[in-house]
Protein backbone atom coordinates (compact mmCIF):
# COMPACT_ATOMS: atom_id res chain seq x y z
CA UNK A 1 -13.64 14.01 -10.92
CA UNK A 2 -14.73 10.73 -8.94
CA UNK A 3 -14.85 10.19 -5.15
CA UNK A 4 -14.82 6.90 -3.33
CA UNK A 5 -14.96 5.87 -0.16
CA UNK A 6 -13.77 2.66 2.04
CA UNK A 7 -16.04 0.98 4.47
CA UNK A 8 -15.18 -1.26 7.55
CA UNK A 9 -15.81 -1.16 11.48
CA UNK A 10 -12.99 1.37 13.35
CA UNK A 11 -11.05 2.93 9.45
CA UNK A 12 -7.58 1.15 11.15
CA UNK A 13 -7.59 -2.38 9.20
CA UNK A 14 -9.44 -2.49 6.16
CA UNK A 15 -11.10 0.56 5.40
CA UNK A 16 -7.93 2.59 4.99
CA UNK A 17 -5.50 -0.99 2.96
CA UNK A 18 -8.18 0.01 0.79
CA UNK A 19 -7.58 3.01 0.25
CA UNK A 20 -4.11 2.57 -0.16
CA UNK A 21 -3.84 0.25 -2.16
CA UNK A 22 -6.67 1.29 -4.21
CA UNK A 23 -4.33 4.75 -3.99
CA UNK A 24 -1.52 2.45 -5.44
CA UNK A 25 -3.17 1.28 -8.28
CA UNK A 26 -4.27 4.57 -9.60
CA UNK A 27 -1.03 5.96 -9.27
CA UNK A 28 0.30 3.03 -11.26
CA UNK A 29 -2.52 3.79 -13.86
CA UNK A 30 -1.72 7.38 -14.18
CA UNK A 31 -5.13 8.38 -12.83
CA UNK A 32 -4.61 9.77 -9.19
CA UNK A 33 -5.49 12.92 -10.18
CA UNK A 34 -9.15 11.52 -11.21
CA UNK A 35 -10.15 10.67 -7.92
CA UNK A 36 -10.48 11.57 -4.12
CA UNK A 37 -10.33 8.58 -2.19
CA UNK A 38 -10.91 8.12 1.33
CA UNK A 39 -11.83 6.29 4.35
CA UNK A 40 -13.53 5.77 7.71
CA UNK A 41 -15.51 3.71 9.95
CA UNK A 42 -18.89 3.09 11.01
CA UNK A 43 -17.57 3.30 14.01
CA UNK A 44 -15.95 5.84 16.32
CA UNK A 45 -13.17 3.99 18.88
CA UNK A 46 -10.18 4.17 16.64
CA UNK A 47 -10.92 8.26 15.64
CA UNK A 48 -8.02 9.88 15.15
CA UNK A 49 -5.39 7.06 14.76
CA UNK A 50 -3.22 5.98 12.22
CA UNK A 51 -4.11 2.52 10.91
CA UNK A 52 -3.17 0.18 12.92
CA UNK A 53 0.67 -0.71 13.29
CA UNK A 54 0.43 -4.67 12.00
CA UNK A 55 -2.08 -3.41 8.64
CA UNK A 56 0.87 -0.50 7.77
CA UNK A 57 4.10 -3.21 7.35
CA UNK A 58 2.10 -5.68 5.85
CA UNK A 59 1.23 -2.42 3.09
CA UNK A 60 4.63 -1.50 3.44
CA UNK A 61 6.27 -4.39 2.68
CA UNK A 62 3.97 -3.93 -1.04
CA UNK A 63 4.73 -0.72 -1.62
CA UNK A 64 2.01 0.71 -0.64
CA UNK A 65 2.04 3.70 2.87
CA UNK A 66 -1.21 4.02 4.92
CA UNK A 67 -1.13 8.10 5.68
CA UNK A 68 -4.73 8.43 6.94
CA UNK A 69 -6.52 8.92 9.98
CA UNK A 70 -9.60 7.04 11.22
CA UNK A 71 -12.64 9.06 11.35
CA UNK A 72 -16.12 7.43 11.39
CA UNK A 73 -18.69 8.10 8.62
CA UNK A 74 -20.75 11.07 8.64
CA UNK A 75 -23.93 11.57 6.90
CA UNK A 76 -22.70 14.27 4.38
CA UNK A 77 -20.77 11.12 2.95
CA UNK A 78 -23.60 10.23 1.39
CA UNK A 79 -23.44 13.53 -0.50
CA UNK A 80 -19.66 13.67 -0.85
CA UNK A 81 -19.31 10.68 -2.79
CA UNK A 82 -20.41 8.40 -5.71
CA UNK A 83 -19.07 5.88 -4.64
CA UNK A 84 -18.98 4.14 -0.60
CA UNK A 85 -17.60 0.82 -0.89
CA UNK A 86 -17.95 -1.58 2.43
CA UNK A 87 -15.96 -4.67 4.00
CA UNK A 88 -18.46 -6.97 5.52
CA UNK A 89 -22.22 -7.24 5.83
CA UNK A 90 -22.71 -5.66 8.78
CA UNK A 91 -20.68 -2.56 7.33
CA UNK A 92 -22.63 -2.66 4.40
CA UNK A 93 -26.56 -2.32 6.66
CA UNK A 94 -24.42 -0.03 8.63
CA UNK A 95 -23.66 2.11 5.45
CA UNK A 96 -27.22 2.09 4.04
CA UNK A 97 -29.43 2.57 7.44
CA UNK A 98 -27.67 5.92 7.39
CA UNK A 99 -28.67 6.24 3.59
CA UNK A 100 -32.74 5.28 3.97
CA UNK A 101 -32.98 8.28 6.82
CA UNK A 102 -31.54 10.26 4.73
CA UNK A 103 -33.51 9.82 1.67
CA UNK A 104 -35.58 12.87 0.52
CA UNK A 105 -33.62 15.36 1.36
CA UNK A 106 -30.63 16.49 -1.28
CA UNK A 107 -27.86 14.37 -2.06
CA UNK A 108 -27.71 11.24 -0.94
CA UNK A 109 -26.46 9.79 -4.03
CA UNK A 110 -23.70 7.67 -3.87
CA UNK A 111 -23.63 4.03 -5.58
CA UNK A 112 -23.10 1.69 -1.76
CA UNK A 113 -22.04 -1.38 -2.09
CA UNK A 114 -19.85 -4.21 -0.76
CA UNK A 115 -15.57 -3.89 -2.17
CA UNK A 116 -15.40 -7.96 -2.40
CA UNK A 117 -18.10 -7.64 -6.13
CA UNK A 118 -15.36 -5.96 -7.53
CA UNK A 119 -12.89 -9.89 -7.01
CA UNK A 120 -11.78 -11.24 -9.80
CA UNK A 121 -9.64 -13.90 -8.64
CA UNK A 122 -11.13 -14.73 -5.11
CA UNK A 123 -14.76 -15.56 -4.97
CA UNK A 124 -16.03 -14.27 -0.94
CA UNK A 125 -18.42 -12.01 0.31
CA UNK A 126 -16.71 -10.27 2.86
CA UNK A 127 -13.11 -8.88 3.19
CA UNK A 128 -12.59 -10.23 7.65
CA UNK A 129 -11.36 -7.91 10.16
CA UNK A 130 -7.78 -8.86 10.99
CA UNK A 131 -7.80 -7.58 14.15
CA UNK A 132 -7.44 -9.98 16.25
CA UNK A 133 -5.95 -12.52 13.87
CA UNK A 134 -2.37 -13.75 12.78
CA UNK A 135 0.15 -11.97 10.54
CA UNK A 136 -1.12 -14.10 7.67
CA UNK A 137 -4.84 -12.65 7.85
CA UNK A 138 -3.64 -9.57 7.67
CA UNK A 139 -1.81 -10.02 4.27
CA UNK A 140 -5.15 -12.26 3.05
CA UNK A 141 -6.93 -8.84 3.60
CA UNK A 142 -4.04 -7.03 1.57
CA UNK A 143 -4.72 -9.89 -1.21
CA UNK A 144 -8.21 -10.15 -1.09
CA UNK A 145 -8.08 -5.75 -1.15
CA UNK A 146 -5.83 -5.72 -4.02
CA UNK A 147 -8.01 -7.62 -6.11
CA UNK A 148 -10.85 -6.46 -5.21
CA UNK A 149 -9.14 -2.56 -6.31
CA UNK A 150 -7.73 -4.13 -9.80
CA UNK A 151 -11.38 -5.01 -10.27
CA UNK A 152 -12.84 -1.30 -9.63
CA UNK A 153 -10.21 0.42 -11.18
CA UNK A 154 -11.63 -1.13 -14.20
CA UNK A 155 -15.15 -1.37 -13.61
CA UNK A 156 -14.65 2.67 -13.36
CA UNK A 157 -12.75 2.67 -16.52
CA UNK A 158 -9.47 3.63 -15.26
């Protein structure tokens, strides 16, 4: 079983959307039973909350349900997951710093990289945070995530 974790700042917009989009792709590919998929945030502000209602609505219009609850990234995630995919450079730095602190201990073998590395249609460096923007921002993020998750699925040989 492959284990994939998506990480953003608060775990209420980008990473739960990436989780939902990736699961949607897995279901379409008939591969959902071969993956464990989750999301987390580097911060703890929203722990226990559902995804932002604007993101849930935008995803729902595409037939994607966002059902996870926000949680904070923890050290054990470095051992629990094979792939940790971040939304922006700050998230990437946070996860890499956590991994460096963990180096030398058992486990911690997760591959940590930006999710946008798997985009084929969009050429971007980050998935922007739509939290303070307009409704169009949520749609754009979902477009980016759809592109990146399709590429990730292909890269994982599904």
